[in-house]
Amino acid sequence: MKELENVIIYADAQKCLGCHSCELACAVAHGGTGGLVSAVINKQPLHSRTKVVLADGVVMPMQCRQCDNAPCAMVCPTGACRQQDGKVLIEEKNCVGCKLCIMVCPFGAISVRRDGIKDDETSTNQGVALKCDLCTSWCADNNQQQTACVQACPTKAISLVNMGDYRKALIQARAKELALSHKHMNLTLRK
């Protein structure tokens, strides 16, 4: 049995302009049918599951890191937040809005949306937890391979990364750095 490794959204802070295109694309992708124009005309609230933040002069989008041992999934009392197929997902209809997932997320990547009282009679809480779900439903509904934020980024600062591929690239980069340092060390020692 092949073990699935979590796929993550990788943001390159060197390329991010802080334009918030990823936030808007995320909000529209999760805002129901009709897109941005329909949401504005119908006064539907749009909620992004990614947030562009500025910290110490660096701008970059922050979203769920799809943790292997996701604290949010471990703490969820209703099982609404769970790990499945290498992703950390929230089953919104099972969420009671207790906010435990928000308290334990080390990246601050979960928020609670309050759109008023829910229609179904099984829920008493007005809040529902939201986080990046790698556009699972949106990709399936629109026959897409890339998430909405990846597609919207004008500088290609955001990409969907398989952790195995990322690890290989990281090893290659570190090996190159070591090789260069040894080359310079050998030149210095020969003098």
Protein backbone atom coordinates (compact mmCIF):
# COMPACT_ATOMS: atom_id res chain seq x y z
CA MET A 1 0.00 0.00 0.00
CA LYS A 2 1.47 3.34 -1.10
CA GLU A 3 1.44 5.97 1.61
CA LEU A 4 0.18 9.36 0.50
CA GLU A 5 2.34 12.31 1.47
CA ASN A 6 0.64 15.63 1.95
CA VAL A 7 0.75 18.09 -0.90
CA ILE A 8 1.15 21.72 0.12
CA ILE A 9 0.85 25.14 -1.39
CA TYR A 10 4.30 26.68 -1.51
CA ALA A 11 4.65 30.46 -1.59
CA ASP A 12 7.91 32.06 -2.73
CA ALA A 13 8.23 35.29 -0.75
CA GLN A 14 10.83 36.54 -3.27
CA LYS A 15 8.18 36.59 -6.00
CA CYS A 16 5.08 37.66 -4.00
CA LEU A 17 3.89 41.20 -4.76
CA GLY A 18 1.26 41.23 -2.05
CA CYS A 19 -1.43 41.88 -4.67
CA HIS A 20 -4.04 39.71 -2.91
CA SER A 21 -5.05 37.99 -6.19
CA CYS A 22 -4.74 34.65 -4.42
CA GLU A 23 -7.15 35.78 -1.68
CA LEU A 24 -9.74 36.92 -4.20
CA ALA A 25 -9.41 33.74 -6.29
CA CYS A 26 -9.79 31.62 -3.16
CA ALA A 27 -12.86 33.52 -2.00
CA VAL A 28 -14.50 33.24 -5.42
CA ALA A 29 -13.64 29.53 -5.75
CA HIS A 30 -15.34 28.84 -2.43
CA GLY A 31 -18.15 31.34 -2.86
CA GLY A 32 -20.63 29.18 -4.71
CA THR A 33 -21.70 29.35 -8.33
CA GLY A 34 -21.60 32.39 -10.55
CA GLY A 35 -18.19 33.80 -9.70
CA LEU A 36 -17.26 37.27 -8.50
CA VAL A 37 -19.88 39.23 -10.46
CA SER A 38 -22.70 37.02 -9.21
CA ALA A 39 -21.45 37.28 -5.62
CA VAL A 40 -21.37 41.09 -5.79
CA ILE A 41 -24.80 41.36 -7.46
CA ASN A 42 -26.39 38.91 -5.00
CA LYS A 43 -24.51 40.39 -2.02
CA GLN A 44 -23.07 36.98 -1.14
CA PRO A 45 -20.22 37.11 1.36
CA LEU A 46 -16.89 35.84 0.05
CA HIS A 47 -14.42 34.29 2.49
CA SER A 48 -10.82 33.65 1.51
CA ARG A 49 -9.09 30.67 3.06
CA THR A 50 -5.70 32.22 2.52
CA LYS A 51 -4.40 35.49 3.92
CA VAL A 52 -1.64 37.63 2.49
CA VAL A 53 0.45 38.91 5.39
CA LEU A 54 3.30 41.37 5.82
CA ALA A 55 5.90 40.46 8.44
CA ASP A 56 9.28 42.14 8.81
CA GLY A 57 9.13 43.54 5.29
CA VAL A 58 8.28 40.18 3.72
CA VAL A 59 4.90 39.68 2.05
CA MET A 60 3.49 36.23 1.43
CA PRO A 61 0.28 34.27 1.48
CA MET A 62 -0.37 32.03 4.46
CA GLN A 63 -2.64 29.03 4.30
CA CYS A 64 -3.01 25.57 5.77
CA ARG A 65 0.26 23.61 5.64
CA GLN A 66 -1.61 20.27 5.47
CA CYS A 67 0.28 18.99 8.53
CA ASP A 68 1.09 15.27 8.68
CA ASN A 69 0.01 15.12 12.34
CA ALA A 70 -2.55 17.90 12.11
CA PRO A 71 -3.32 19.30 15.57
CA CYS A 72 -6.66 20.62 14.26
CA ALA A 73 -7.76 17.11 13.26
CA MET A 74 -6.63 15.67 16.58
CA VAL A 75 -8.50 18.23 18.69
CA CYS A 76 -11.78 18.39 16.73
CA PRO A 77 -14.51 16.98 19.00
CA THR A 78 -16.98 16.29 16.18
CA GLY A 79 -14.58 14.82 13.62
CA ALA A 80 -15.40 17.69 11.25
CA CYS A 81 -11.68 18.35 10.82
CA ARG A 82 -9.93 15.22 9.59
CA GLN A 83 -7.07 13.88 7.52
CA GLN A 84 -7.99 12.08 4.33
CA ASP A 85 -6.06 11.23 1.17
CA GLY A 86 -3.04 13.31 2.18
CA LYS A 87 -5.15 16.39 2.94
CA VAL A 88 -6.53 18.02 6.05
CA LEU A 89 -10.20 18.71 5.41
CA ILE A 90 -13.10 20.26 7.28
CA GLU A 91 -16.55 18.78 6.80
CA GLU A 92 -18.45 22.05 7.29
CA LYS A 93 -21.80 20.43 7.99
CA ASN A 94 -20.28 18.65 11.03
CA CYS A 95 -18.55 21.75 12.39
CA VAL A 96 -20.06 23.30 15.52
CA GLY A 97 -17.75 26.32 15.48
CA CYS A 98 -16.05 25.50 18.80
CA LYS A 99 -12.80 27.13 17.58
CA LEU A 100 -10.52 24.49 19.11
CA CYS A 101 -8.90 24.05 15.68
CA ILE A 102 -8.10 27.77 15.57
CA MET A 103 -6.46 27.62 18.99
CA VAL A 104 -4.12 24.74 18.08
CA CYS A 105 -3.19 25.68 14.49
CA PRO A 106 0.48 26.71 14.62
CA PHE A 107 0.09 28.85 11.47
CA GLY A 108 -3.14 30.69 12.22
CA ALA A 109 -4.55 29.23 9.02
CA ILE A 110 -8.07 28.49 10.24
CA SER A 111 -10.86 31.00 10.69
CA VAL A 112 -14.53 30.78 11.57
CA ARG A 113 -17.12 32.21 9.21
CA ARG A 114 -20.35 33.58 10.61
CA ASP A 115 -22.99 34.11 7.94
CA GLY A 116 -25.96 33.96 10.28
CA ILE A 117 -27.94 31.02 11.55
CA LYS A 118 -27.57 27.85 9.51
CA ASP A 119 -30.57 26.40 7.73
CA ASP A 120 -30.19 22.83 8.92
CA GLU A 121 -31.78 22.06 12.24
CA THR A 122 -28.94 19.86 13.50
CA SER A 123 -26.56 22.74 14.16
CA THR A 124 -26.98 25.38 16.82
CA ASN A 125 -23.79 27.36 16.24
CA GLN A 126 -23.61 30.15 13.72
CA GLY A 127 -19.90 29.64 12.99
CA VAL A 128 -18.18 27.23 10.64
CA ALA A 129 -14.42 26.63 10.49
CA LEU A 130 -12.70 27.39 7.19
CA LYS A 131 -9.23 26.58 5.94
CA CYS A 132 -7.46 25.82 2.69
CA ASP A 133 -8.77 22.57 1.27
CA LEU A 134 -6.51 22.67 -1.80
CA CYS A 135 -9.63 23.58 -3.80
CA THR A 136 -10.70 19.93 -3.80
CA SER A 137 -14.33 20.56 -4.80
CA TRP A 138 -13.55 23.52 -7.06
CA CYS A 139 -10.94 21.55 -9.02
CA ALA A 140 -13.33 18.60 -9.44
CA ASP A 141 -16.27 20.81 -10.46
CA ASN A 142 -14.18 22.82 -12.94
CA ASN A 143 -11.92 20.03 -14.23
CA GLN A 144 -8.81 21.83 -12.94
CA GLN A 145 -5.47 20.45 -11.83
CA GLN A 146 -4.22 23.57 -10.05
CA THR A 147 -5.81 25.42 -7.14
CA ALA A 148 -7.49 28.79 -7.71
CA CYS A 149 -4.72 30.70 -5.90
CA VAL A 150 -1.99 29.06 -7.99
CA GLN A 151 -3.82 29.97 -11.20
CA ALA A 152 -4.47 33.57 -10.07
CA CYS A 153 -0.94 34.49 -9.00
CA PRO A 154 0.47 36.89 -11.63
CA THR A 155 4.11 36.24 -10.66
CA LYS A 156 3.78 32.46 -10.16
CA ALA A 157 4.88 32.91 -6.54
CA ILE A 158 2.44 30.20 -5.49
CA SER A 159 2.70 26.58 -6.54
CA LEU A 160 1.30 23.22 -5.54
CA VAL A 161 4.20 21.13 -4.29
CA ASN A 162 4.54 17.43 -3.72
CA MET A 163 6.69 17.09 -0.61
CA GLY A 164 8.78 14.31 -2.16
CA ASP A 165 9.67 16.58 -5.09
CA TYR A 166 10.29 19.49 -2.72
CA ARG A 167 12.62 17.38 -0.61
CA LYS A 168 14.59 16.29 -3.71
CA ALA A 169 14.95 19.91 -4.86
CA LEU A 170 16.05 20.95 -1.37
CA ILE A 171 18.68 18.19 -1.26
CA GLN A 172 19.97 19.24 -4.68
CA ALA A 173 20.19 22.90 -3.60
CA ARG A 174 22.05 22.02 -0.39
CA ALA A 175 24.41 19.66 -2.27
CA LYS A 176 25.21 22.46 -4.71
CA GLU A 177 25.95 24.83 -1.80
CA LEU A 178 28.22 22.25 -0.17
CA ALA A 179 30.03 21.56 -3.43
CA LEU A 180 30.68 25.29 -3.93
CA SER A 181 31.92 25.75 -0.37
CA HIS A 182 34.27 22.76 -0.72
CA LYS A 183 35.53 24.12 -4.04
CA HIS A 184 36.31 27.48 -2.43
CA MET A 185 37.83 25.73 0.60
CA ASN A 186 40.12 23.66 -1.67
CA LEU A 187 41.24 26.80 -3.53
CA THR A 188 41.98 28.56 -0.23
CA LEU A 189 43.90 25.58 1.17
CA ARG A 190 46.11 25.31 -1.96
CA LYS A 191 47.53 28.81 -1.50
